[in-house]
Amino acid sequence: MICPNPVCRRENTDGAAFCVYCGKSLQNGVRPRGKSGAGAAVLSAFLPGLGQFYNNDFKKGLLILVLAIVAVGAIPVTLGSFYVVIWLWGVIDAYRVAKGATPVWA
């Protein structure tokens, strides 16, 4: 199966849910093999972005991690509300990507 990502376009094994090279979904709505929604959520709850890395969603994981670091610096100004929003987004998104309800960023 050829990856639909125009930048990647590499051959993957038949029946694969995601491209092994770029992480793009090869079949809409298919859950990543061997990925636990609860596990992804717990990892992301421990460290924002970690659940996305577990799901091979590296771009989103890096964005969430960077935003969380910025939010920690802004805690005196925002009273932690910005960090809580980023943290919740990371936990919920990690769970939804592992379950196949949200796509991986290509």
PDB file of N, CA and C in Angstrom:
ATOM      1  N   MET A   1       0.840  -1.160   0.000  1.00  0.00           N
ATOM      2  CA  MET A   1       0.000   0.000   0.000  1.00  0.00           C
ATOM      3  C   MET A   1       0.895   1.235   0.000  1.00  0.00           C
ATOM      4  N   ILE A   2       0.625   2.162  -0.891  1.00  0.00           N
ATOM      5  CA  ILE A   2       1.439   3.368  -1.027  1.00  0.00           C
ATOM      6  C   ILE A   2       0.871   4.462  -0.112  1.00  0.00           C
ATOM      7  N   CYS A   3       1.743   5.151   0.581  1.00  0.00           N
ATOM      8  CA  CYS A   3       1.354   6.220   1.491  1.00  0.00           C
ATOM      9  C   CYS A   3       0.702   7.361   0.700  1.00  0.00           C
ATOM     10  N   PRO A   4      -0.456   7.870   1.184  1.00  0.00           N
ATOM     11  CA  PRO A   4      -1.124   8.959   0.480  1.00  0.00           C
ATOM     12  C   PRO A   4      -0.485  10.329   0.702  1.00  0.00           C
ATOM     13  N   ASN A   5       0.469  10.419   1.614  1.00  0.00           N
ATOM     14  CA  ASN A   5       1.159  11.681   1.867  1.00  0.00           C
ATOM     15  C   ASN A   5       1.986  12.038   0.627  1.00  0.00           C
ATOM     16  N   PRO A   6       1.699  13.188  -0.025  1.00  0.00           N
ATOM     17  CA  PRO A   6       2.406  13.525  -1.259  1.00  0.00           C
ATOM     18  C   PRO A   6       3.912  13.696  -1.084  1.00  0.00           C
ATOM     19  N   VAL A   7       4.357  13.980   0.114  1.00  0.00           N
ATOM     20  CA  VAL A   7       5.787  14.126   0.367  1.00  0.00           C
ATOM     21  C   VAL A   7       6.455  12.764   0.538  1.00  0.00           C
ATOM     22  N   CYS A   8       5.738  11.805   1.100  1.00  0.00           N
ATOM     23  CA  CYS A   8       6.300  10.489   1.411  1.00  0.00           C
ATOM     24  C   CYS A   8       6.185   9.524   0.227  1.00  0.00           C
ATOM     25  N   ARG A   9       4.950   9.108  -0.078  1.00  0.00           N
ATOM     26  CA  ARG A   9       4.632   8.208  -1.195  1.00  0.00           C
ATOM     27  C   ARG A   9       5.435   6.903  -1.185  1.00  0.00           C
ATOM     28  N   ARG A  10       5.789   6.390  -0.006  1.00  0.00           N
ATOM     29  CA  ARG A  10       6.553   5.146   0.086  1.00  0.00           C
ATOM     30  C   ARG A  10       5.633   3.945   0.206  1.00  0.00           C
ATOM     31  N   GLU A  11       6.155   2.795  -0.150  1.00  0.00           N
ATOM     32  CA  GLU A  11       5.398   1.541  -0.096  1.00  0.00           C
ATOM     33  C   GLU A  11       5.391   1.000   1.332  1.00  0.00           C
ATOM     34  N   ASN A  12       4.205   0.602   1.802  1.00  0.00           N
ATOM     35  CA  ASN A  12       4.023  -0.006   3.117  1.00  0.00           C
ATOM     36  C   ASN A  12       3.439  -1.399   2.932  1.00  0.00           C
ATOM     37  N   THR A  13       3.487  -2.192   3.981  1.00  0.00           N
ATOM     38  CA  THR A  13       2.911  -3.529   3.898  1.00  0.00           C
ATOM     39  C   THR A  13       1.394  -3.446   3.780  1.00  0.00           C
ATOM     40  N   ASP A  14       0.793  -4.403   3.091  1.00  0.00           N
ATOM     41  CA  ASP A  14      -0.659  -4.440   2.946  1.00  0.00           C
ATOM     42  C   ASP A  14      -1.315  -4.624   4.306  1.00  0.00           C
ATOM     43  N   GLY A  15      -2.394  -3.896   4.542  1.00  0.00           N
ATOM     44  CA  GLY A  15      -3.123  -3.990   5.795  1.00  0.00           C
ATOM     45  C   GLY A  15      -2.597  -3.073   6.876  1.00  0.00           C
ATOM     46  N   ALA A  16      -1.516  -2.340   6.614  1.00  0.00           N
ATOM     47  CA  ALA A  16      -0.975  -1.418   7.618  1.00  0.00           C
ATOM     48  C   ALA A  16      -1.945  -0.268   7.818  1.00  0.00           C
ATOM     49  N   ALA A  17      -2.096   0.181   9.048  1.00  0.00           N
ATOM     50  CA  ALA A  17      -3.003   1.282   9.347  1.00  0.00           C
ATOM     51  C   ALA A  17      -2.336   2.638   9.152  1.00  0.00           C
ATOM     52  N   PHE A  18      -1.019   2.708   9.412  1.00  0.00           N
ATOM     53  CA  PHE A  18      -0.285   3.952   9.305  1.00  0.00           C
ATOM     54  C   PHE A  18       1.027   3.728   8.565  1.00  0.00           C
ATOM     55  N   CYS A  19       1.489   4.756   7.872  1.00  0.00           N
ATOM     56  CA  CYS A  19       2.768   4.682   7.166  1.00  0.00           C
ATOM     57  C   CYS A  19       3.896   4.567   8.192  1.00  0.00           C
ATOM     58  N   VAL A  20       4.785   3.611   7.989  1.00  0.00           N
ATOM     59  CA  VAL A  20       5.889   3.421   8.929  1.00  0.00           C
ATOM     60  C   VAL A  20       6.952   4.504   8.769  1.00  0.00           C
ATOM     61  N   TYR A  21       6.915   5.270   7.691  1.00  0.00           N
ATOM     62  CA  TYR A  21       7.919   6.289   7.429  1.00  0.00           C
ATOM     63  C   TYR A  21       7.506   7.671   7.940  1.00  0.00           C
ATOM     64  N   CYS A  22       6.214   8.030   7.751  1.00  0.00           N
ATOM     65  CA  CYS A  22       5.787   9.378   8.136  1.00  0.00           C
ATOM     66  C   CYS A  22       4.632   9.392   9.128  1.00  0.00           C
ATOM     67  N   GLY A  23       3.971   8.265   9.369  1.00  0.00           N
ATOM     68  CA  GLY A  23       2.886   8.191  10.328  1.00  0.00           C
ATOM     69  C   GLY A  23       1.509   8.542   9.784  1.00  0.00           C
ATOM     70  N   LYS A  24       1.414   8.852   8.509  1.00  0.00           N
ATOM     71  CA  LYS A  24       0.125   9.204   7.893  1.00  0.00           C
ATOM     72  C   LYS A  24      -0.814   7.997   7.920  1.00  0.00           C
ATOM     73  N   SER A  25      -2.096   8.264   8.212  1.00  0.00           N
ATOM     74  CA  SER A  25      -3.091   7.202   8.242  1.00  0.00           C
ATOM     75  C   SER A  25      -3.276   6.620   6.842  1.00  0.00           C
ATOM     76  N   LEU A  26      -3.200   5.305   6.743  1.00  0.00           N
ATOM     77  CA  LEU A  26      -3.403   4.637   5.462  1.00  0.00           C
ATOM     78  C   LEU A  26      -4.848   4.194   5.298  1.00  0.00           C
ATOM     79  N   GLN A  27      -5.563   4.078   6.401  1.00  0.00           N
ATOM     80  CA  GLN A  27      -6.962   3.678   6.389  1.00  0.00           C
ATOM     81  C   GLN A  27      -7.700   4.551   7.394  1.00  0.00           C
ATOM     82  N   ASN A  28      -8.640   5.323   6.942  1.00  0.00           N
ATOM     83  CA  ASN A  28      -9.369   6.228   7.830  1.00  0.00           C
ATOM     84  C   ASN A  28     -10.114   5.459   8.908  1.00  0.00           C
ATOM     85  N   GLY A  29     -10.007   5.940  10.141  1.00  0.00           N
ATOM     86  CA  GLY A  29     -10.744   5.362  11.248  1.00  0.00           C
ATOM     87  C   GLY A  29     -10.169   4.070  11.802  1.00  0.00           C
ATOM     88  N   VAL A  30      -9.009   3.647  11.353  1.00  0.00           N
ATOM     89  CA  VAL A  30      -8.422   2.404  11.839  1.00  0.00           C
ATOM     90  C   VAL A  30      -7.501   2.715  13.012  1.00  0.00           C
ATOM     91  N   ARG A  31      -7.639   1.962  14.068  1.00  0.00           N
ATOM     92  CA  ARG A  31      -6.836   2.144  15.268  1.00  0.00           C
ATOM     93  C   ARG A  31      -5.400   1.677  15.017  1.00  0.00           C
ATOM     94  N   PRO A  32      -4.408   2.428  15.487  1.00  0.00           N
ATOM     95  CA  PRO A  32      -3.024   1.980  15.337  1.00  0.00           C
ATOM     96  C   PRO A  32      -2.820   0.644  16.042  1.00  0.00           C
ATOM     97  N   ARG A  33      -2.145  -0.266  15.396  1.00  0.00           N
ATOM     98  CA  ARG A  33      -1.915  -1.585  15.981  1.00  0.00           C
ATOM     99  C   ARG A  33      -1.003  -1.495  17.196  1.00  0.00           C
ATOM    100  N   GLY A  34      -1.426  -2.173  18.254  1.00  0.00           N
ATOM    101  CA  GLY A  34      -0.612  -2.239  19.457  1.00  0.00           C
ATOM    102  C   GLY A  34      -0.601  -0.972  20.282  1.00  0.00           C
ATOM    103  N   LYS A  35      -1.458  -0.011  19.988  1.00  0.00           N
ATOM    104  CA  LYS A  35      -1.485   1.238  20.737  1.00  0.00           C
ATOM    105  C   LYS A  35      -2.684   1.243  21.676  1.00  0.00           C
ATOM    106  N   SER A  36      -2.444   1.521  22.915  1.00  0.00           N
ATOM    107  CA  SER A  36      -3.490   1.554  23.932  1.00  0.00           C
ATOM    108  C   SER A  36      -3.921   2.998  24.164  1.00  0.00           C
ATOM    109  N   GLY A  37      -5.226   3.235  24.101  1.00  0.00           N
ATOM    110  CA  GLY A  37      -5.732   4.575  24.349  1.00  0.00           C
ATOM    111  C   GLY A  37      -5.432   5.036  25.766  1.00  0.00           C
ATOM    112  N   ALA A  38      -5.651   4.135  26.728  1.00  0.00           N
ATOM    113  CA  ALA A  38      -5.377   4.477  28.128  1.00  0.00           C
ATOM    114  C   ALA A  38      -3.882   4.701  28.349  1.00  0.00           C
ATOM    115  N   GLY A  39      -3.063   3.870  27.726  1.00  0.00           N
ATOM    116  CA  GLY A  39      -1.617   4.033  27.857  1.00  0.00           C
ATOM    117  C   GLY A  39      -1.137   5.358  27.293  1.00  0.00           C
ATOM    118  N   ALA A  40      -1.671   5.735  26.130  1.00  0.00           N
ATOM    119  CA  ALA A  40      -1.300   7.003  25.514  1.00  0.00           C
ATOM    120  C   ALA A  40      -1.728   8.174  26.391  1.00  0.00           C
ATOM    121  N   ALA A  41      -2.929   8.087  26.969  1.00  0.00           N
ATOM    122  CA  ALA A  41      -3.432   9.155  27.829  1.00  0.00           C
ATOM    123  C   ALA A  41      -2.592   9.289  29.093  1.00  0.00           C
ATOM    124  N   VAL A  42      -2.216   8.163  29.692  1.00  0.00           N
ATOM    125  CA  VAL A  42      -1.400   8.200  30.908  1.00  0.00           C
ATOM    126  C   VAL A  42      -0.023   8.795  30.614  1.00  0.00           C
ATOM    127  N   LEU A  43       0.566   8.400  29.506  1.00  0.00           N
ATOM    128  CA  LEU A  43       1.871   8.960  29.136  1.00  0.00           C
ATOM    129  C   LEU A  43       1.785  10.461  28.942  1.00  0.00           C
ATOM    130  N   SER A  44       0.730  10.912  28.274  1.00  0.00           N
ATOM    131  CA  SER A  44       0.565  12.340  28.032  1.00  0.00           C
ATOM    132  C   SER A  44       0.230  13.089  29.319  1.00  0.00           C
ATOM    133  N   ALA A  45      -0.443  12.421  30.261  1.00  0.00           N
ATOM    134  CA  ALA A  45      -0.727  13.048  31.552  1.00  0.00           C
ATOM    135  C   ALA A  45       0.557  13.212  32.359  1.00  0.00           C
ATOM    136  N   PHE A  46       1.479  12.276  32.209  1.00  0.00           N
ATOM    137  CA  PHE A  46       2.759  12.328  32.917  1.00  0.00           C
ATOM    138  C   PHE A  46       3.635  13.457  32.380  1.00  0.00           C
ATOM    139  N   LEU A  47       3.714  13.560  31.043  1.00  0.00           N
ATOM    140  CA  LEU A  47       4.495  14.611  30.387  1.00  0.00           C
ATOM    141  C   LEU A  47       3.770  15.008  29.112  1.00  0.00           C
ATOM    142  N   PRO A  48       3.305  16.245  29.018  1.00  0.00           N
ATOM    143  CA  PRO A  48       2.576  16.668  27.815  1.00  0.00           C
ATOM    144  C   PRO A  48       3.376  16.382  26.543  1.00  0.00           C
ATOM    145  N   GLY A  49       2.726  15.713  25.592  1.00  0.00           N
ATOM    146  CA  GLY A  49       3.355  15.365  24.326  1.00  0.00           C
ATOM    147  C   GLY A  49       3.875  13.940  24.265  1.00  0.00           C
ATOM    148  N   LEU A  50       4.093  13.312  25.421  1.00  0.00           N
ATOM    149  CA  LEU A  50       4.654  11.961  25.447  1.00  0.00           C
ATOM    150  C   LEU A  50       3.694  10.947  24.828  1.00  0.00           C
ATOM    151  N   GLY A  51       2.408  11.105  25.048  1.00  0.00           N
ATOM    152  CA  GLY A  51       1.418  10.211  24.442  1.00  0.00           C
ATOM    153  C   GLY A  51       1.395  10.330  22.928  1.00  0.00           C
ATOM    154  N   GLN A  52       1.631  11.538  22.426  1.00  0.00           N
ATOM    155  CA  GLN A  52       1.689  11.726  20.978  1.00  0.00           C
ATOM    156  C   GLN A  52       2.928  11.043  20.391  1.00  0.00           C
ATOM    157  N   PHE A  53       4.040  11.122  21.090  1.00  0.00           N
ATOM    158  CA  PHE A  53       5.243  10.413  20.625  1.00  0.00           C
ATOM    159  C   PHE A  53       4.990   8.909  20.609  1.00  0.00           C
ATOM    160  N   TYR A  54       4.297   8.388  21.603  1.00  0.00           N
ATOM    161  CA  TYR A  54       3.929   6.972  21.670  1.00  0.00           C
ATOM    162  C   TYR A  54       3.078   6.579  20.462  1.00  0.00           C
ATOM    163  N   ASN A  55       2.205   7.489  20.021  1.00  0.00           N
ATOM    164  CA  ASN A  55       1.333   7.242  18.872  1.00  0.00           C
ATOM    165  C   ASN A  55       2.010   7.539  17.532  1.00  0.00           C
ATOM    166  N   ASN A  56       3.289   7.849  17.545  1.00  0.00           N
ATOM    167  CA  ASN A  56       4.036   8.232  16.339  1.00  0.00           C
ATOM    168  C   ASN A  56       3.480   9.508  15.711  1.00  0.00           C
ATOM    169  N   ASP A  57       2.959  10.399  16.529  1.00  0.00           N
ATOM    170  CA  ASP A  57       2.437  11.686  16.092  1.00  0.00           C
ATOM    171  C   ASP A  57       3.445  12.749  16.533  1.00  0.00           C
ATOM    172  N   PHE A  58       4.627  12.717  15.906  1.00  0.00           N
ATOM    173  CA  PHE A  58       5.764  13.488  16.385  1.00  0.00           C
ATOM    174  C   PHE A  58       5.583  14.999  16.284  1.00  0.00           C
ATOM    175  N   LYS A  59       4.971  15.481  15.196  1.00  0.00           N
ATOM    176  CA  LYS A  59       4.783  16.929  15.040  1.00  0.00           C
ATOM    177  C   LYS A  59       3.878  17.487  16.136  1.00  0.00           C
ATOM    178  N   LYS A  60       2.766  16.815  16.381  1.00  0.00           N
ATOM    179  CA  LYS A  60       1.838  17.279  17.408  1.00  0.00           C
ATOM    180  C   LYS A  60       2.466  17.131  18.791  1.00  0.00           C
ATOM    181  N   GLY A  61       3.197  16.047  19.013  1.00  0.00           N
ATOM    182  CA  GLY A  61       3.859  15.848  20.297  1.00  0.00           C
ATOM    183  C   GLY A  61       4.863  16.939  20.602  1.00  0.00           C
ATOM    184  N   LEU A  62       5.634  17.311  19.601  1.00  0.00           N
ATOM    185  CA  LEU A  62       6.617  18.382  19.781  1.00  0.00           C
ATOM    186  C   LEU A  62       5.929  19.715  20.048  1.00  0.00           C
ATOM    187  N   LEU A  63       4.844  19.989  19.317  1.00  0.00           N
ATOM    188  CA  LEU A  63       4.100  21.232  19.535  1.00  0.00           C
ATOM    189  C   LEU A  63       3.535  21.283  20.957  1.00  0.00           C
ATOM    190  N   ILE A  64       2.933  20.215  21.415  1.00  0.00           N
ATOM    191  CA  ILE A  64       2.348  20.189  22.759  1.00  0.00           C
ATOM    192  C   ILE A  64       3.440  20.336  23.817  1.00  0.00           C
ATOM    193  N   LEU A  65       4.569  19.683  23.625  1.00  0.00           N
ATOM    194  CA  LEU A  65       5.671  19.785  24.578  1.00  0.00           C
ATOM    195  C   LEU A  65       6.201  21.212  24.652  1.00  0.00           C
ATOM    196  N   VAL A  66       6.409  21.839  23.506  1.00  0.00           N
ATOM    197  CA  VAL A  66       6.917  23.217  23.479  1.00  0.00           C
ATOM    198  C   VAL A  66       5.909  24.170  24.116  1.00  0.00           C
ATOM    199  N   LEU A  67       4.622  24.012  23.764  1.00  0.00           N
ATOM    200  CA  LEU A  67       3.597  24.874  24.363  1.00  0.00           C
ATOM    201  C   LEU A  67       3.508  24.681  25.877  1.00  0.00           C
ATOM    202  N   ALA A  68       3.685  23.456  26.344  1.00  0.00           N
ATOM    203  CA  ALA A  68       3.655  23.200  27.789  1.00  0.00           C
ATOM    204  C   ALA A  68       4.840  23.878  28.485  1.00  0.00           C
ATOM    205  N   ILE A  69       5.993  23.850  27.853  1.00  0.00           N
ATOM    206  CA  ILE A  69       7.172  24.518  28.434  1.00  0.00           C
ATOM    207  C   ILE A  69       6.951  26.022  28.499  1.00  0.00           C
ATOM    208  N   VAL A  70       6.393  26.589  27.427  1.00  0.00           N
ATOM    209  CA  VAL A  70       6.078  28.018  27.422  1.00  0.00           C
ATOM    210  C   VAL A  70       5.032  28.326  28.494  1.00  0.00           C
ATOM    211  N   ALA A  71       4.044  27.456  28.633  1.00  0.00           N
ATOM    212  CA  ALA A  71       2.971  27.665  29.612  1.00  0.00           C
ATOM    213  C   ALA A  71       3.505  27.638  31.038  1.00  0.00           C
ATOM    214  N   VAL A  72       4.502  26.806  31.298  1.00  0.00           N
ATOM    215  CA  VAL A  72       5.096  26.763  32.639  1.00  0.00           C
ATOM    216  C   VAL A  72       5.742  28.110  32.957  1.00  0.00           C
ATOM    217  N   GLY A  73       6.374  28.710  31.980  1.00  0.00           N
ATOM    218  CA  GLY A  73       6.976  30.031  32.182  1.00  0.00           C
ATOM    219  C   GLY A  73       5.941  31.124  32.373  1.00  0.00           C
ATOM    220  N   ALA A  74       4.729  30.893  31.848  1.00  0.00           N
ATOM    221  CA  ALA A  74       3.676  31.904  31.943  1.00  0.00           C
ATOM    222  C   ALA A  74       2.755  31.687  33.136  1.00  0.00           C
ATOM    223  N   ILE A  75       3.056  30.733  33.994  1.00  0.00           N
ATOM    224  CA  ILE A  75       2.181  30.436  35.138  1.00  0.00           C
ATOM    225  C   ILE A  75       1.926  31.664  36.019  1.00  0.00           C
ATOM    226  N   PRO A  76       2.930  32.498  36.301  1.00  0.00           N
ATOM    227  CA  PRO A  76       2.624  33.672  37.126  1.00  0.00           C
ATOM    228  C   PRO A  76       1.603  34.615  36.475  1.00  0.00           C
ATOM    229  N   VAL A  77       1.584  34.689  35.166  1.00  0.00           N
ATOM    230  CA  VAL A  77       0.670  35.588  34.458  1.00  0.00           C
ATOM    231  C   VAL A  77      -0.704  34.952  34.273  1.00  0.00           C
ATOM    232  N   THR A  78      -0.745  33.690  33.873  1.00  0.00           N
ATOM    233  CA  THR A  78      -2.015  33.024  33.541  1.00  0.00           C
ATOM    234  C   THR A  78      -2.574  32.196  34.689  1.00  0.00           C
ATOM    235  N   LEU A  79      -1.863  32.173  35.811  1.00  0.00           N
ATOM    236  CA  LEU A  79      -2.263  31.371  36.978  1.00  0.00           C
ATOM    237  C   LEU A  79      -2.430  29.894  36.634  1.00  0.00           C
ATOM    238  N   GLY A  80      -1.686  29.428  35.663  1.00  0.00           N
ATOM    239  CA  GLY A  80      -1.680  28.019  35.305  1.00  0.00           C
ATOM    240  C   GLY A  80      -2.763  27.585  34.345  1.00  0.00           C
ATOM    241  N   SER A  81      -3.671  28.478  33.980  1.00  0.00           N
ATOM    242  CA  SER A  81      -4.785  28.070  33.109  1.00  0.00           C
ATOM    243  C   SER A  81      -4.307  27.667  31.718  1.00  0.00           C
ATOM    244  N   PHE A  82      -3.305  28.338  31.168  1.00  0.00           N
ATOM    245  CA  PHE A  82      -2.774  27.988  29.852  1.00  0.00           C
ATOM    246  C   PHE A  82      -2.155  26.594  29.887  1.00  0.00           C
ATOM    247  N   TYR A  83      -1.430  26.291  30.962  1.00  0.00           N
ATOM    248  CA  TYR A  83      -0.823  24.966  31.091  1.00  0.00           C
ATOM    249  C   TYR A  83      -1.891  23.879  31.183  1.00  0.00           C
ATOM    250  N   VAL A  84      -2.940  24.128  31.949  1.00  0.00           N
ATOM    251  CA  VAL A  84      -4.014  23.137  32.110  1.00  0.00           C
ATOM    252  C   VAL A  84      -4.685  22.855  30.769  1.00  0.00           C
ATOM    253  N   VAL A  85      -4.914  23.881  29.975  1.00  0.00           N
ATOM    254  CA  VAL A  85      -5.531  23.696  28.650  1.00  0.00           C
ATOM    255  C   VAL A  85      -4.630  22.853  27.756  1.00  0.00           C
ATOM    256  N   ILE A  86      -3.345  23.155  27.710  1.00  0.00           N
ATOM    257  CA  ILE A  86      -2.394  22.386  26.887  1.00  0.00           C
ATOM    258  C   ILE A  86      -2.315  20.951  27.396  1.00  0.00           C
ATOM    259  N   TRP A  87      -2.255  20.772  28.694  1.00  0.00           N
ATOM    260  CA  TRP A  87      -2.177  19.436  29.298  1.00  0.00           C
ATOM    261  C   TRP A  87      -3.402  18.601  28.947  1.00  0.00           C
ATOM    262  N   LEU A  88      -4.597  19.184  29.099  1.00  0.00           N
ATOM    263  CA  LEU A  88      -5.829  18.463  28.761  1.00  0.00           C
ATOM    264  C   LEU A  88      -5.897  18.118  27.279  1.00  0.00           C
ATOM    265  N   TRP A  89      -5.509  19.056  26.424  1.00  0.00           N
ATOM    266  CA  TRP A  89      -5.493  18.804  24.990  1.00  0.00           C
ATOM    267  C   TRP A  89      -4.596  17.598  24.689  1.00  0.00           C
ATOM    268  N   GLY A  90      -3.425  17.562  25.289  1.00  0.00           N
ATOM    269  CA  GLY A  90      -2.501  16.459  25.057  1.00  0.00           C
ATOM    270  C   GLY A  90      -3.053  15.115  25.504  1.00  0.00           C
ATOM    271  N   VAL A  91      -3.672  15.077  26.676  1.00  0.00           N
ATOM    272  CA  VAL A  91      -4.216  13.818  27.201  1.00  0.00           C
ATOM    273  C   VAL A  91      -5.362  13.317  26.322  1.00  0.00           C
ATOM    274  N   ILE A  92      -6.313  14.195  26.017  1.00  0.00           N
ATOM    275  CA  ILE A  92      -7.473  13.800  25.218  1.00  0.00           C
ATOM    276  C   ILE A  92      -7.069  13.419  23.805  1.00  0.00           C
ATOM    277  N   ASP A  93      -6.177  14.197  23.206  1.00  0.00           N
ATOM    278  CA  ASP A  93      -5.749  13.904  21.831  1.00  0.00           C
ATOM    279  C   ASP A  93      -4.989  12.584  21.760  1.00  0.00           C
ATOM    280  N   ALA A  94      -4.119  12.316  22.719  1.00  0.00           N
ATOM    281  CA  ALA A  94      -3.354  11.061  22.712  1.00  0.00           C
ATOM    282  C   ALA A  94      -4.298   9.869  22.753  1.00  0.00           C
ATOM    283  N   TYR A  95      -5.317   9.952  23.598  1.00  0.00           N
ATOM    284  CA  TYR A  95      -6.302   8.870  23.692  1.00  0.00           C
ATOM    285  C   TYR A  95      -7.053   8.707  22.370  1.00  0.00           C
ATOM    286  N   ARG A  96      -7.515   9.819  21.802  1.00  0.00           N
ATOM    287  CA  ARG A  96      -8.306   9.753  20.566  1.00  0.00           C
ATOM    288  C   ARG A  96      -7.487   9.254  19.370  1.00  0.00           C
ATOM    289  N   VAL A  97      -6.230   9.641  19.281  1.00  0.00           N
ATOM    290  CA  VAL A  97      -5.380   9.156  18.180  1.00  0.00           C
ATOM    291  C   VAL A  97      -5.136   7.653  18.328  1.00  0.00           C
ATOM    292  N   ALA A  98      -4.869   7.196  19.542  1.00  0.00           N
ATOM    293  CA  ALA A  98      -4.640   5.762  19.759  1.00  0.00           C
ATOM    294  C   ALA A  98      -5.878   4.944  19.411  1.00  0.00           C
ATOM    295  N   LYS A  99      -7.052   5.499  19.637  1.00  0.00           N
ATOM    296  CA  LYS A  99      -8.304   4.808  19.317  1.00  0.00           C
ATOM    297  C   LYS A  99      -8.692   4.953  17.846  1.00  0.00           C
ATOM    298  N   GLY A 100      -7.987   5.783  17.091  1.00  0.00           N
ATOM    299  CA  GLY A 100      -8.278   5.965  15.670  1.00  0.00           C
ATOM    300  C   GLY A 100      -9.352   6.999  15.388  1.00  0.00           C
ATOM    301  N   ALA A 101      -9.765   7.777  16.403  1.00  0.00           N
ATOM    302  CA  ALA A 101     -10.816   8.772  16.216  1.00  0.00           C
ATOM    303  C   ALA A 101     -10.277  10.107  15.694  1.00  0.00           C
ATOM    304  N   THR A 102      -9.014  10.351  15.868  1.00  0.00           N
ATOM    305  CA  THR A 102      -8.363  11.573  15.411  1.00  0.00           C
ATOM    306  C   THR A 102      -7.138  11.178  14.589  1.00  0.00           C
ATOM    307  N   PRO A 103      -6.908  11.844  13.438  1.00  0.00           N
ATOM    308  CA  PRO A 103      -5.762  11.463  12.613  1.00  0.00           C
ATOM    309  C   PRO A 103      -4.437  11.943  13.171  1.00  0.00           C
ATOM    310  N   VAL A 104      -3.385  11.272  12.753  1.00  0.00           N
ATOM    311  CA  VAL A 104      -2.015  11.683  13.053  1.00  0.00           C
ATOM    312  C   VAL A 104      -1.665  12.843  12.126  1.00  0.00           C
ATOM    313  N   TRP A 105      -0.980  13.854  12.656  1.00  0.00           N
ATOM    314  CA  TRP A 105      -0.530  14.943  11.791  1.00  0.00           C
ATOM    315  C   TRP A 105       0.573  14.430  10.883  1.00  0.00           C
ATOM    316  N   ALA A 106       0.420  14.643   9.602  1.00  0.00           N
ATOM    317  CA  ALA A 106       1.418  14.166   8.628  1.00  0.00           C
ATOM    318  C   ALA A 106       2.588  15.102   8.531  1.00  0.00           C
TER     319      ALA A 106
END
